[in-house]
């Protein structure tokens, strides 16, 4: 299998896992979307769990590479945090399947969590926690507190990205369009306000 073909298979599988979750996306359905038999797909990837792992690995690696570019372009740690959070927001708005996939992984893995051999999104989260701990007034923080800050900021971006179909149904397309136009500015304000509060010693 060529790298391009493998990447295409992972992209198709990622879309179905995003739409249906790990348990809802069957190997037969994924194989059918790829134009393969179930046996051929298992021959290439071994199992549904391994295919799902490759999808998450691909997503995590893309996020890490993009984060490295942002880090290099933003030497100031405070600006870097803002840029990293906005990077995820903009990426998920451009590719909502990635936002859904992360949400599915957080919600659907309870039965698999105890036996998980790899947490593919952990390296990406570690990059952001490390970035938070480089902010001057955060350098003495415990990593758990830095993770809480990062999770709060990423959560705001992520929740909006996955909520758009529902928000459109609730409020209509016109209001949603205005909300989308203003959300990034509001997210910037949230990031800056939270970092300023931390600098002032607020919990």
N, C-alpha and C. Protein backbone atom coordinates (compact mmCIF):
# COMPACT_ATOMS: atom_id res chain seq x y z
N UNK A 1 0.85 -1.19 0.00
CA UNK A 1 0.00 0.00 0.00
C UNK A 1 0.89 1.25 0.00
N UNK A 2 0.63 2.19 -0.90
CA UNK A 2 1.41 3.43 -0.93
C UNK A 2 1.01 4.33 0.22
N UNK A 3 1.89 5.28 0.54
CA UNK A 3 1.60 6.23 1.62
C UNK A 3 0.36 7.05 1.29
N UNK A 4 0.22 7.46 0.02
CA UNK A 4 -0.95 8.26 -0.38
C UNK A 4 -2.23 7.47 -0.20
N UNK A 5 -2.19 6.18 -0.58
CA UNK A 5 -3.39 5.33 -0.42
C UNK A 5 -3.72 5.14 1.05
N UNK A 6 -2.69 4.90 1.85
CA UNK A 6 -2.91 4.72 3.29
C UNK A 6 -3.51 5.98 3.90
N UNK A 7 -3.00 7.14 3.53
CA UNK A 7 -3.53 8.40 4.05
C UNK A 7 -4.98 8.58 3.63
N UNK A 8 -5.31 8.17 2.40
CA UNK A 8 -6.69 8.28 1.94
C UNK A 8 -7.62 7.38 2.75
N UNK A 9 -7.16 6.18 3.03
CA UNK A 9 -7.95 5.25 3.85
C UNK A 9 -8.17 5.82 5.25
N UNK A 10 -7.11 6.39 5.81
CA UNK A 10 -7.22 6.96 7.16
C UNK A 10 -8.18 8.14 7.15
N UNK A 11 -8.16 8.94 6.09
CA UNK A 11 -9.08 10.07 5.99
C UNK A 11 -10.54 9.61 5.94
N UNK A 12 -10.81 8.59 5.13
CA UNK A 12 -12.18 8.06 5.03
C UNK A 12 -12.61 7.46 6.37
N UNK A 13 -11.74 6.67 6.99
CA UNK A 13 -12.07 6.08 8.29
C UNK A 13 -12.31 7.16 9.33
N UNK A 14 -11.49 8.22 9.30
CA UNK A 14 -11.66 9.31 10.26
C UNK A 14 -13.01 9.98 10.12
N UNK A 15 -13.46 10.15 8.89
CA UNK A 15 -14.78 10.78 8.67
C UNK A 15 -15.89 9.92 9.26
N UNK A 16 -15.82 8.61 9.05
CA UNK A 16 -16.87 7.73 9.58
C UNK A 16 -16.80 7.62 11.10
N UNK A 17 -15.58 7.57 11.65
CA UNK A 17 -15.46 7.55 13.11
C UNK A 17 -16.00 8.86 13.70
N UNK A 18 -15.77 9.97 13.02
CA UNK A 18 -16.27 11.26 13.50
C UNK A 18 -17.80 11.28 13.46
N UNK A 19 -18.38 10.74 12.41
CA UNK A 19 -19.84 10.76 12.26
C UNK A 19 -20.53 9.80 13.22
N UNK A 20 -19.94 8.61 13.41
CA UNK A 20 -20.65 7.53 14.11
C UNK A 20 -20.00 7.08 15.41
N UNK A 21 -18.80 7.54 15.68
CA UNK A 21 -18.09 7.09 16.86
C UNK A 21 -17.41 5.75 16.62
N UNK A 22 -16.56 5.35 17.57
CA UNK A 22 -15.82 4.11 17.42
C UNK A 22 -16.76 2.92 17.31
N UNK A 23 -17.77 2.88 18.16
CA UNK A 23 -18.67 1.72 18.19
C UNK A 23 -19.69 1.74 17.05
N UNK A 24 -20.04 2.92 16.57
CA UNK A 24 -21.04 3.01 15.52
C UNK A 24 -20.50 2.79 14.12
N UNK A 25 -19.20 2.98 13.93
CA UNK A 25 -18.59 2.79 12.61
C UNK A 25 -18.06 1.37 12.52
N UNK A 26 -18.72 0.55 11.74
CA UNK A 26 -18.30 -0.84 11.61
C UNK A 26 -17.18 -0.97 10.59
N UNK A 27 -16.40 -2.05 10.73
CA UNK A 27 -15.35 -2.33 9.77
C UNK A 27 -15.95 -2.52 8.37
N UNK A 28 -17.10 -3.16 8.29
CA UNK A 28 -17.75 -3.39 7.00
C UNK A 28 -18.11 -2.06 6.34
N UNK A 29 -18.64 -1.12 7.12
CA UNK A 29 -19.03 0.18 6.58
C UNK A 29 -17.81 0.96 6.11
N UNK A 30 -16.75 0.94 6.91
CA UNK A 30 -15.52 1.65 6.54
C UNK A 30 -14.93 1.05 5.27
N UNK A 31 -14.88 -0.29 5.23
CA UNK A 31 -14.35 -0.96 4.04
C UNK A 31 -15.16 -0.62 2.81
N UNK A 32 -16.49 -0.59 2.95
CA UNK A 32 -17.35 -0.27 1.82
C UNK A 32 -17.09 1.13 1.28
N UNK A 33 -16.88 2.09 2.19
CA UNK A 33 -16.57 3.46 1.77
C UNK A 33 -15.25 3.52 1.01
N UNK A 34 -14.34 2.62 1.35
CA UNK A 34 -13.03 2.61 0.72
C UNK A 34 -13.00 1.76 -0.54
N UNK A 35 -14.09 1.05 -0.83
CA UNK A 35 -14.11 0.17 -1.99
C UNK A 35 -13.33 -1.11 -1.76
N UNK A 36 -13.26 -1.53 -0.49
CA UNK A 36 -12.54 -2.75 -0.12
C UNK A 36 -13.50 -3.75 0.49
N UNK A 37 -13.04 -5.00 0.57
CA UNK A 37 -13.75 -5.97 1.39
C UNK A 37 -13.31 -5.80 2.83
N UNK A 38 -14.12 -6.31 3.74
CA UNK A 38 -13.76 -6.25 5.15
C UNK A 38 -12.42 -6.95 5.40
N UNK A 39 -12.23 -8.09 4.73
CA UNK A 39 -11.00 -8.85 4.91
C UNK A 39 -9.78 -8.07 4.41
N UNK A 40 -9.94 -7.35 3.30
CA UNK A 40 -8.82 -6.57 2.76
C UNK A 40 -8.44 -5.44 3.71
N UNK A 41 -9.45 -4.78 4.30
CA UNK A 41 -9.16 -3.70 5.24
C UNK A 41 -8.42 -4.24 6.46
N UNK A 42 -8.88 -5.37 6.98
CA UNK A 42 -8.22 -5.97 8.14
C UNK A 42 -6.81 -6.43 7.79
N UNK A 43 -6.59 -6.82 6.56
CA UNK A 43 -5.25 -7.21 6.14
C UNK A 43 -4.29 -6.02 6.21
N UNK A 44 -4.78 -4.84 5.82
CA UNK A 44 -3.94 -3.65 5.81
C UNK A 44 -3.71 -3.07 7.19
N UNK A 45 -4.74 -3.10 8.05
CA UNK A 45 -4.65 -2.40 9.33
C UNK A 45 -4.70 -3.32 10.56
N UNK A 46 -5.07 -4.58 10.37
CA UNK A 46 -5.03 -5.53 11.47
C UNK A 46 -6.31 -5.66 12.26
N UNK A 47 -6.87 -4.53 12.69
CA UNK A 47 -8.09 -4.55 13.47
C UNK A 47 -8.73 -3.16 13.44
N UNK A 48 -9.97 -3.10 13.87
CA UNK A 48 -10.66 -1.81 13.95
C UNK A 48 -9.94 -0.89 14.94
N UNK A 49 -9.49 -1.45 16.06
CA UNK A 49 -8.79 -0.65 17.07
C UNK A 49 -7.51 -0.05 16.51
N UNK A 50 -6.77 -0.83 15.71
CA UNK A 50 -5.52 -0.32 15.14
C UNK A 50 -5.79 0.75 14.09
N UNK A 51 -6.85 0.57 13.30
CA UNK A 51 -7.22 1.59 12.32
C UNK A 51 -7.60 2.88 13.03
N UNK A 52 -8.40 2.76 14.08
CA UNK A 52 -8.81 3.94 14.86
C UNK A 52 -7.58 4.62 15.46
N UNK A 53 -6.64 3.81 15.95
CA UNK A 53 -5.40 4.37 16.49
C UNK A 53 -4.62 5.14 15.44
N UNK A 54 -4.59 4.63 14.22
CA UNK A 54 -3.88 5.33 13.15
C UNK A 54 -4.57 6.66 12.81
N UNK A 55 -5.90 6.68 12.88
CA UNK A 55 -6.64 7.92 12.64
C UNK A 55 -6.27 8.96 13.69
N UNK A 56 -6.25 8.55 14.97
CA UNK A 56 -5.90 9.47 16.05
C UNK A 56 -4.44 9.89 15.98
N UNK A 57 -3.57 8.96 15.61
CA UNK A 57 -2.15 9.29 15.48
C UNK A 57 -1.95 10.36 14.39
N UNK A 58 -2.63 10.17 13.27
CA UNK A 58 -2.53 11.12 12.15
C UNK A 58 -3.00 12.51 12.59
N UNK A 59 -4.13 12.55 13.31
CA UNK A 59 -4.67 13.82 13.80
C UNK A 59 -3.69 14.49 14.77
N UNK A 60 -3.16 13.70 15.71
CA UNK A 60 -2.24 14.24 16.70
C UNK A 60 -0.96 14.76 16.05
N UNK A 61 -0.42 14.01 15.10
CA UNK A 61 0.82 14.44 14.44
C UNK A 61 0.61 15.73 13.66
N UNK A 62 -0.54 15.86 13.00
CA UNK A 62 -0.83 17.10 12.28
C UNK A 62 -0.89 18.29 13.25
N UNK A 63 -1.53 18.07 14.40
CA UNK A 63 -1.64 19.14 15.39
C UNK A 63 -0.27 19.53 15.95
N UNK A 64 0.58 18.54 16.19
CA UNK A 64 1.89 18.81 16.74
C UNK A 64 2.75 19.58 15.74
N UNK A 65 2.73 19.16 14.48
CA UNK A 65 3.52 19.86 13.45
C UNK A 65 3.07 21.31 13.33
N UNK A 66 1.75 21.53 13.28
CA UNK A 66 1.23 22.90 13.19
C UNK A 66 1.60 23.70 14.43
N UNK A 67 1.57 23.06 15.60
CA UNK A 67 1.92 23.74 16.85
C UNK A 67 3.39 24.14 16.88
N UNK A 68 4.24 23.32 16.30
CA UNK A 68 5.67 23.65 16.24
C UNK A 68 5.91 24.89 15.40
N UNK A 69 5.17 25.02 14.32
CA UNK A 69 5.29 26.22 13.48
C UNK A 69 4.85 27.45 14.25
N UNK A 70 3.70 27.34 14.95
CA UNK A 70 3.20 28.46 15.75
C UNK A 70 4.20 28.83 16.84
N UNK A 71 4.78 27.84 17.49
CA UNK A 71 5.74 28.09 18.56
C UNK A 71 6.96 28.83 18.04
N UNK A 72 7.44 28.42 16.88
CA UNK A 72 8.61 29.09 16.29
C UNK A 72 8.30 30.52 15.89
N UNK A 73 7.06 30.78 15.48
CA UNK A 73 6.67 32.11 15.02
C UNK A 73 6.28 33.05 16.15
N UNK A 74 6.13 32.52 17.37
CA UNK A 74 5.67 33.33 18.50
C UNK A 74 6.58 33.13 19.70
N UNK A 75 7.71 33.85 19.76
CA UNK A 75 8.65 33.68 20.87
C UNK A 75 8.09 34.13 22.22
N UNK A 76 7.15 35.07 22.20
CA UNK A 76 6.56 35.51 23.47
C UNK A 76 5.58 34.44 23.97
N UNK A 77 5.78 33.89 25.17
CA UNK A 77 4.96 32.78 25.66
C UNK A 77 3.46 33.09 25.73
N UNK A 78 3.11 34.32 26.13
CA UNK A 78 1.69 34.67 26.23
C UNK A 78 1.04 34.70 24.86
N UNK A 79 1.71 35.32 23.91
CA UNK A 79 1.20 35.33 22.53
C UNK A 79 1.13 33.92 21.97
N UNK A 80 2.09 33.10 22.38
CA UNK A 80 2.14 31.73 21.88
C UNK A 80 0.90 30.95 22.31
N UNK A 81 0.50 31.09 23.56
CA UNK A 81 -0.71 30.40 24.04
C UNK A 81 -1.93 30.82 23.22
N UNK A 82 -2.06 32.11 23.02
CA UNK A 82 -3.19 32.62 22.23
C UNK A 82 -3.16 32.02 20.82
N UNK A 83 -1.99 32.02 20.21
CA UNK A 83 -1.86 31.51 18.84
C UNK A 83 -2.15 30.01 18.77
N UNK A 84 -1.72 29.26 19.79
CA UNK A 84 -1.95 27.81 19.80
C UNK A 84 -3.43 27.47 19.93
N UNK A 85 -4.13 28.18 20.81
CA UNK A 85 -5.56 27.94 20.98
C UNK A 85 -6.32 28.32 19.71
N UNK A 86 -5.95 29.47 19.13
CA UNK A 86 -6.61 29.89 17.89
C UNK A 86 -6.30 28.94 16.74
N UNK A 87 -5.12 28.36 16.76
CA UNK A 87 -4.77 27.37 15.74
C UNK A 87 -5.76 26.21 15.77
N UNK A 88 -6.03 25.69 16.96
CA UNK A 88 -6.97 24.57 17.04
C UNK A 88 -8.36 25.02 16.62
N UNK A 89 -8.78 26.19 17.08
CA UNK A 89 -10.11 26.68 16.72
C UNK A 89 -10.26 26.82 15.21
N UNK A 90 -9.31 27.46 14.57
CA UNK A 90 -9.39 27.68 13.13
C UNK A 90 -9.33 26.36 12.36
N UNK A 91 -8.49 25.44 12.84
CA UNK A 91 -8.40 24.14 12.19
C UNK A 91 -9.68 23.36 12.29
N UNK A 92 -10.32 23.40 13.45
CA UNK A 92 -11.55 22.65 13.64
C UNK A 92 -12.73 23.29 12.92
N UNK A 93 -12.71 24.59 12.78
CA UNK A 93 -13.75 25.24 12.00
C UNK A 93 -13.61 24.90 10.52
N UNK A 94 -12.36 24.72 10.07
CA UNK A 94 -12.12 24.35 8.67
C UNK A 94 -12.38 22.87 8.43
N UNK A 95 -12.23 22.05 9.46
CA UNK A 95 -12.43 20.61 9.35
C UNK A 95 -13.18 20.12 10.58
N UNK A 96 -14.49 20.23 10.52
CA UNK A 96 -15.31 19.91 11.69
C UNK A 96 -15.19 18.44 12.06
N UNK A 97 -14.85 17.58 11.09
CA UNK A 97 -14.69 16.16 11.41
C UNK A 97 -13.60 15.96 12.47
N UNK A 98 -12.54 16.76 12.43
CA UNK A 98 -11.48 16.61 13.43
C UNK A 98 -12.00 16.99 14.81
N UNK A 99 -12.84 18.02 14.88
CA UNK A 99 -13.44 18.41 16.16
C UNK A 99 -14.36 17.32 16.68
N UNK A 100 -15.16 16.76 15.79
CA UNK A 100 -16.07 15.67 16.19
C UNK A 100 -15.30 14.44 16.63
N UNK A 101 -14.20 14.16 15.94
CA UNK A 101 -13.41 12.99 16.27
C UNK A 101 -12.83 13.10 17.68
N UNK A 102 -12.32 14.28 18.02
CA UNK A 102 -11.80 14.49 19.37
C UNK A 102 -12.90 14.35 20.40
N UNK A 103 -14.07 14.92 20.11
CA UNK A 103 -15.19 14.80 21.03
C UNK A 103 -15.62 13.35 21.20
N UNK A 104 -15.67 12.62 20.09
CA UNK A 104 -16.01 11.20 20.16
C UNK A 104 -15.01 10.44 21.03
N UNK A 105 -13.74 10.75 20.86
CA UNK A 105 -12.72 10.06 21.64
C UNK A 105 -12.90 10.33 23.13
N UNK A 106 -13.27 11.55 23.48
CA UNK A 106 -13.47 11.89 24.89
C UNK A 106 -14.71 11.20 25.46
N UNK A 107 -15.75 11.05 24.63
CA UNK A 107 -17.02 10.53 25.12
C UNK A 107 -17.15 9.01 24.98
N UNK A 108 -16.55 8.45 23.93
CA UNK A 108 -16.83 7.06 23.58
C UNK A 108 -15.83 6.07 24.13
N UNK A 109 -14.76 6.53 24.75
CA UNK A 109 -13.68 5.59 25.08
C UNK A 109 -13.75 5.03 26.48
N UNK A 110 -14.85 5.27 27.19
CA UNK A 110 -14.92 4.83 28.59
C UNK A 110 -14.68 3.33 28.73
N UNK A 111 -15.26 2.55 27.82
CA UNK A 111 -15.09 1.10 27.92
C UNK A 111 -13.69 0.65 27.54
N UNK A 112 -12.99 1.44 26.72
CA UNK A 112 -11.67 1.07 26.24
C UNK A 112 -10.55 1.69 27.06
N UNK A 113 -10.88 2.68 27.88
CA UNK A 113 -9.84 3.50 28.52
C UNK A 113 -8.87 2.67 29.36
N UNK A 114 -9.37 1.71 30.13
CA UNK A 114 -8.49 0.96 31.02
C UNK A 114 -7.50 0.09 30.26
N UNK A 115 -7.85 -0.27 29.02
CA UNK A 115 -6.99 -1.15 28.25
C UNK A 115 -6.25 -0.43 27.13
N UNK A 116 -6.38 0.89 27.09
CA UNK A 116 -5.75 1.65 26.01
C UNK A 116 -4.23 1.58 26.13
N UNK A 117 -3.58 1.18 25.03
CA UNK A 117 -2.13 1.10 25.04
C UNK A 117 -1.47 2.43 24.73
N UNK A 118 -2.17 3.27 23.96
CA UNK A 118 -1.63 4.57 23.56
C UNK A 118 -2.70 5.63 23.68
N UNK A 119 -2.28 6.79 24.17
CA UNK A 119 -3.15 7.96 24.18
C UNK A 119 -2.58 8.92 23.15
N UNK A 120 -3.10 8.85 21.93
CA UNK A 120 -2.46 9.52 20.81
C UNK A 120 -2.54 11.04 20.90
N UNK A 121 -3.52 11.57 21.62
CA UNK A 121 -3.65 13.02 21.73
C UNK A 121 -2.82 13.59 22.88
N UNK A 122 -2.26 12.73 23.72
CA UNK A 122 -1.49 13.23 24.86
C UNK A 122 -0.28 14.08 24.45
N UNK A 123 0.52 13.67 23.45
CA UNK A 123 1.68 14.51 23.08
C UNK A 123 1.28 15.93 22.69
N UNK A 124 0.15 16.06 21.99
CA UNK A 124 -0.32 17.40 21.62
C UNK A 124 -0.68 18.21 22.86
N UNK A 125 -1.41 17.60 23.79
CA UNK A 125 -1.78 18.31 25.01
C UNK A 125 -0.53 18.67 25.82
N UNK A 126 0.47 17.79 25.81
CA UNK A 126 1.71 18.08 26.53
C UNK A 126 2.41 19.31 25.94
N UNK A 127 2.36 19.46 24.62
CA UNK A 127 2.94 20.64 23.97
C UNK A 127 2.30 21.91 24.52
N UNK A 128 0.96 21.89 24.65
CA UNK A 128 0.26 23.08 25.13
C UNK A 128 0.49 23.32 26.61
N UNK A 129 0.55 22.26 27.40
CA UNK A 129 0.85 22.42 28.83
C UNK A 129 2.25 23.00 29.00
N UNK A 130 3.21 22.50 28.24
CA UNK A 130 4.58 23.04 28.31
C UNK A 130 4.59 24.52 27.94
N UNK A 131 3.80 24.88 26.93
CA UNK A 131 3.73 26.28 26.51
C UNK A 131 3.16 27.15 27.63
N UNK A 132 2.14 26.66 28.32
CA UNK A 132 1.55 27.42 29.42
C UNK A 132 2.56 27.63 30.54
N UNK A 133 3.37 26.62 30.82
CA UNK A 133 4.34 26.71 31.91
C UNK A 133 5.53 27.61 31.57
N UNK A 134 5.62 28.05 30.32
CA UNK A 134 6.66 28.98 29.93
C UNK A 134 6.24 30.44 30.11
N UNK A 135 4.93 30.66 30.34
CA UNK A 135 4.46 32.01 30.64
C UNK A 135 5.04 32.40 32.01
N UNK A 136 5.56 33.59 32.12
CA UNK A 136 6.36 33.97 33.30
C UNK A 136 5.67 33.68 34.62
N UNK A 137 4.42 34.11 34.77
CA UNK A 137 3.76 33.94 36.06
C UNK A 137 3.18 32.53 36.24
N UNK A 138 3.37 31.65 35.25
CA UNK A 138 2.87 30.27 35.36
C UNK A 138 3.99 29.26 35.58
N UNK A 139 5.23 29.74 35.66
CA UNK A 139 6.37 28.82 35.69
C UNK A 139 6.43 27.97 36.95
N UNK A 140 5.82 28.44 38.03
CA UNK A 140 5.84 27.67 39.28
C UNK A 140 4.60 26.80 39.44
N UNK A 141 3.73 26.83 38.46
CA UNK A 141 2.48 26.06 38.54
C UNK A 141 2.76 24.56 38.48
N UNK A 142 1.87 23.80 39.10
CA UNK A 142 1.83 22.36 38.90
C UNK A 142 1.31 22.09 37.49
N UNK A 143 1.75 21.00 36.88
CA UNK A 143 1.28 20.69 35.53
C UNK A 143 -0.23 20.50 35.49
N UNK A 144 -0.80 20.05 36.59
CA UNK A 144 -2.25 19.87 36.64
C UNK A 144 -3.00 21.18 36.49
N UNK A 145 -2.46 22.23 37.09
CA UNK A 145 -3.10 23.54 36.96
C UNK A 145 -2.95 24.07 35.53
N UNK A 146 -1.78 23.86 34.95
CA UNK A 146 -1.58 24.30 33.57
C UNK A 146 -2.51 23.55 32.62
N UNK A 147 -2.71 22.26 32.86
CA UNK A 147 -3.64 21.48 32.04
C UNK A 147 -5.06 22.00 32.19
N UNK A 148 -5.43 22.39 33.41
CA UNK A 148 -6.77 22.94 33.63
C UNK A 148 -6.98 24.20 32.81
N UNK A 149 -5.97 25.07 32.77
CA UNK A 149 -6.07 26.29 31.98
C UNK A 149 -6.20 25.96 30.49
N UNK A 150 -5.33 25.10 29.99
CA UNK A 150 -5.36 24.73 28.58
C UNK A 150 -6.69 24.08 28.21
N UNK A 151 -7.16 23.20 29.07
CA UNK A 151 -8.41 22.49 28.78
C UNK A 151 -9.59 23.44 28.74
N UNK A 152 -9.58 24.44 29.62
CA UNK A 152 -10.65 25.43 29.61
C UNK A 152 -10.67 26.19 28.28
N UNK A 153 -9.50 26.62 27.83
CA UNK A 153 -9.42 27.42 26.61
C UNK A 153 -9.72 26.60 25.37
N UNK A 154 -9.14 25.39 25.29
CA UNK A 154 -9.43 24.52 24.15
C UNK A 154 -10.90 24.11 24.13
N UNK A 155 -11.45 23.89 25.32
CA UNK A 155 -12.85 23.47 25.41
C UNK A 155 -13.79 24.50 24.84
N UNK A 156 -13.52 25.77 25.09
CA UNK A 156 -14.38 26.83 24.55
C UNK A 156 -14.36 26.81 23.03
N UNK A 157 -13.17 26.65 22.45
CA UNK A 157 -13.04 26.60 20.99
C UNK A 157 -13.69 25.36 20.42
N UNK A 158 -13.43 24.24 21.06
CA UNK A 158 -13.90 22.94 20.58
C UNK A 158 -15.42 22.85 20.63
N UNK A 159 -15.99 23.29 21.73
CA UNK A 159 -17.44 23.18 21.92
C UNK A 159 -18.20 23.94 20.84
N UNK A 160 -17.71 25.10 20.49
CA UNK A 160 -18.38 25.88 19.45
C UNK A 160 -18.27 25.19 18.10
N UNK A 161 -17.09 24.63 17.82
CA UNK A 161 -16.88 23.99 16.52
C UNK A 161 -17.84 22.82 16.31
N UNK A 162 -18.05 22.01 17.34
CA UNK A 162 -18.91 20.84 17.17
C UNK A 162 -20.39 21.17 17.31
N UNK A 163 -20.71 22.36 17.81
CA UNK A 163 -22.11 22.72 18.10
C UNK A 163 -22.83 23.39 16.94
N UNK A 164 -22.15 23.68 15.87
CA UNK A 164 -22.75 24.52 14.83
C UNK A 164 -24.05 23.97 14.22
N UNK A 165 -24.13 22.68 13.87
CA UNK A 165 -25.41 22.19 13.33
C UNK A 165 -26.57 22.39 14.29
N UNK A 166 -26.31 22.15 15.57
CA UNK A 166 -27.37 22.32 16.57
C UNK A 166 -27.72 23.80 16.74
N UNK A 167 -26.71 24.65 16.81
CA UNK A 167 -26.97 26.08 16.95
C UNK A 167 -27.75 26.62 15.75
N UNK A 168 -27.44 26.11 14.56
CA UNK A 168 -28.16 26.55 13.37
C UNK A 168 -29.64 26.18 13.46
N UNK A 169 -29.92 24.98 13.97
CA UNK A 169 -31.31 24.54 14.13
C UNK A 169 -32.03 25.35 15.20
N UNK A 170 -31.33 25.68 16.27
CA UNK A 170 -31.96 26.40 17.38
C UNK A 170 -32.22 27.86 17.01
N UNK A 171 -31.18 28.53 16.46
CA UNK A 171 -31.25 29.97 16.27
C UNK A 171 -31.39 30.43 14.83
N UNK A 172 -31.20 29.52 13.89
CA UNK A 172 -31.30 29.90 12.49
C UNK A 172 -29.97 30.29 11.89
N UNK A 173 -29.85 30.22 10.56
CA UNK A 173 -28.56 30.47 9.91
C UNK A 173 -28.05 31.91 10.04
N UNK A 174 -28.95 32.89 10.08
CA UNK A 174 -28.50 34.27 10.13
C UNK A 174 -27.80 34.58 11.45
N UNK A 175 -28.43 34.17 12.55
CA UNK A 175 -27.81 34.42 13.86
C UNK A 175 -26.50 33.65 13.99
N UNK A 176 -26.49 32.40 13.50
CA UNK A 176 -25.27 31.61 13.57
C UNK A 176 -24.15 32.27 12.78
N UNK A 177 -24.46 32.82 11.62
CA UNK A 177 -23.44 33.48 10.80
C UNK A 177 -22.81 34.65 11.54
N UNK A 178 -23.63 35.43 12.25
CA UNK A 178 -23.11 36.55 13.03
C UNK A 178 -22.25 36.04 14.19
N UNK A 179 -22.72 34.97 14.83
CA UNK A 179 -21.97 34.38 15.94
C UNK A 179 -20.60 33.89 15.47
N UNK A 180 -20.56 33.25 14.31
CA UNK A 180 -19.30 32.77 13.77
C UNK A 180 -18.34 33.92 13.47
N UNK A 181 -18.87 35.02 12.99
CA UNK A 181 -18.03 36.17 12.65
C UNK A 181 -17.40 36.79 13.90
N UNK A 182 -18.10 36.69 15.03
CA UNK A 182 -17.62 37.35 16.25
C UNK A 182 -16.95 36.39 17.24
N UNK A 183 -17.08 35.08 17.00
CA UNK A 183 -16.61 34.13 18.01
C UNK A 183 -15.10 34.19 18.21
N UNK A 184 -14.33 34.30 17.13
CA UNK A 184 -12.88 34.30 17.29
C UNK A 184 -12.42 35.49 18.12
N UNK A 185 -13.04 36.65 17.92
CA UNK A 185 -12.70 37.82 18.73
C UNK A 185 -13.03 37.59 20.20
N UNK A 186 -14.17 36.97 20.46
CA UNK A 186 -14.54 36.66 21.84
C UNK A 186 -13.57 35.64 22.45
N UNK A 187 -13.13 34.70 21.64
CA UNK A 187 -12.18 33.70 22.13
C UNK A 187 -10.85 34.36 22.48
N UNK A 188 -10.41 35.30 21.65
CA UNK A 188 -9.18 36.04 21.96
C UNK A 188 -9.32 36.77 23.30
N UNK A 189 -10.47 37.39 23.51
CA UNK A 189 -10.70 38.11 24.77
C UNK A 189 -10.66 37.16 25.96
N UNK A 190 -11.25 35.97 25.80
CA UNK A 190 -11.23 34.98 26.88
C UNK A 190 -9.81 34.55 27.21
N UNK A 191 -9.02 34.26 26.19
CA UNK A 191 -7.63 33.83 26.41
C UNK A 191 -6.85 34.91 27.16
N UNK A 192 -6.94 36.14 26.67
CA UNK A 192 -6.18 37.23 27.28
C UNK A 192 -6.66 37.51 28.70
N UNK A 193 -7.97 37.48 28.91
CA UNK A 193 -8.51 37.74 30.25
C UNK A 193 -8.06 36.66 31.22
N UNK A 194 -8.06 35.41 30.79
CA UNK A 194 -7.66 34.33 31.69
C UNK A 194 -6.18 34.42 32.04
N UNK A 195 -5.35 34.76 31.06
CA UNK A 195 -3.92 34.91 31.34
C UNK A 195 -3.63 36.11 32.21
N UNK A 196 -4.37 37.19 32.01
CA UNK A 196 -4.21 38.39 32.84
C UNK A 196 -4.63 38.10 34.27
N UNK A 197 -5.72 37.33 34.43
CA UNK A 197 -6.17 36.97 35.78
C UNK A 197 -5.13 36.12 36.49
N UNK A 198 -4.50 35.22 35.72
CA UNK A 198 -3.44 34.40 36.32
C UNK A 198 -2.26 35.25 36.74
N UNK A 199 -1.93 36.26 35.92
CA UNK A 199 -0.81 37.13 36.26
C UNK A 199 -1.08 37.93 37.51
N UNK A 200 -2.36 38.25 37.72
CA UNK A 200 -2.74 39.05 38.91
C UNK A 200 -2.87 38.18 40.16
N UNK A 201 -2.69 36.89 39.98
CA UNK A 201 -2.75 35.97 41.14
C UNK A 201 -4.09 35.37 41.40
N UNK A 202 -5.05 35.56 40.48
CA UNK A 202 -6.37 34.94 40.67
C UNK A 202 -6.24 33.44 40.45
N UNK A 203 -7.08 32.65 41.12
CA UNK A 203 -7.00 31.20 40.96
C UNK A 203 -7.50 30.77 39.60
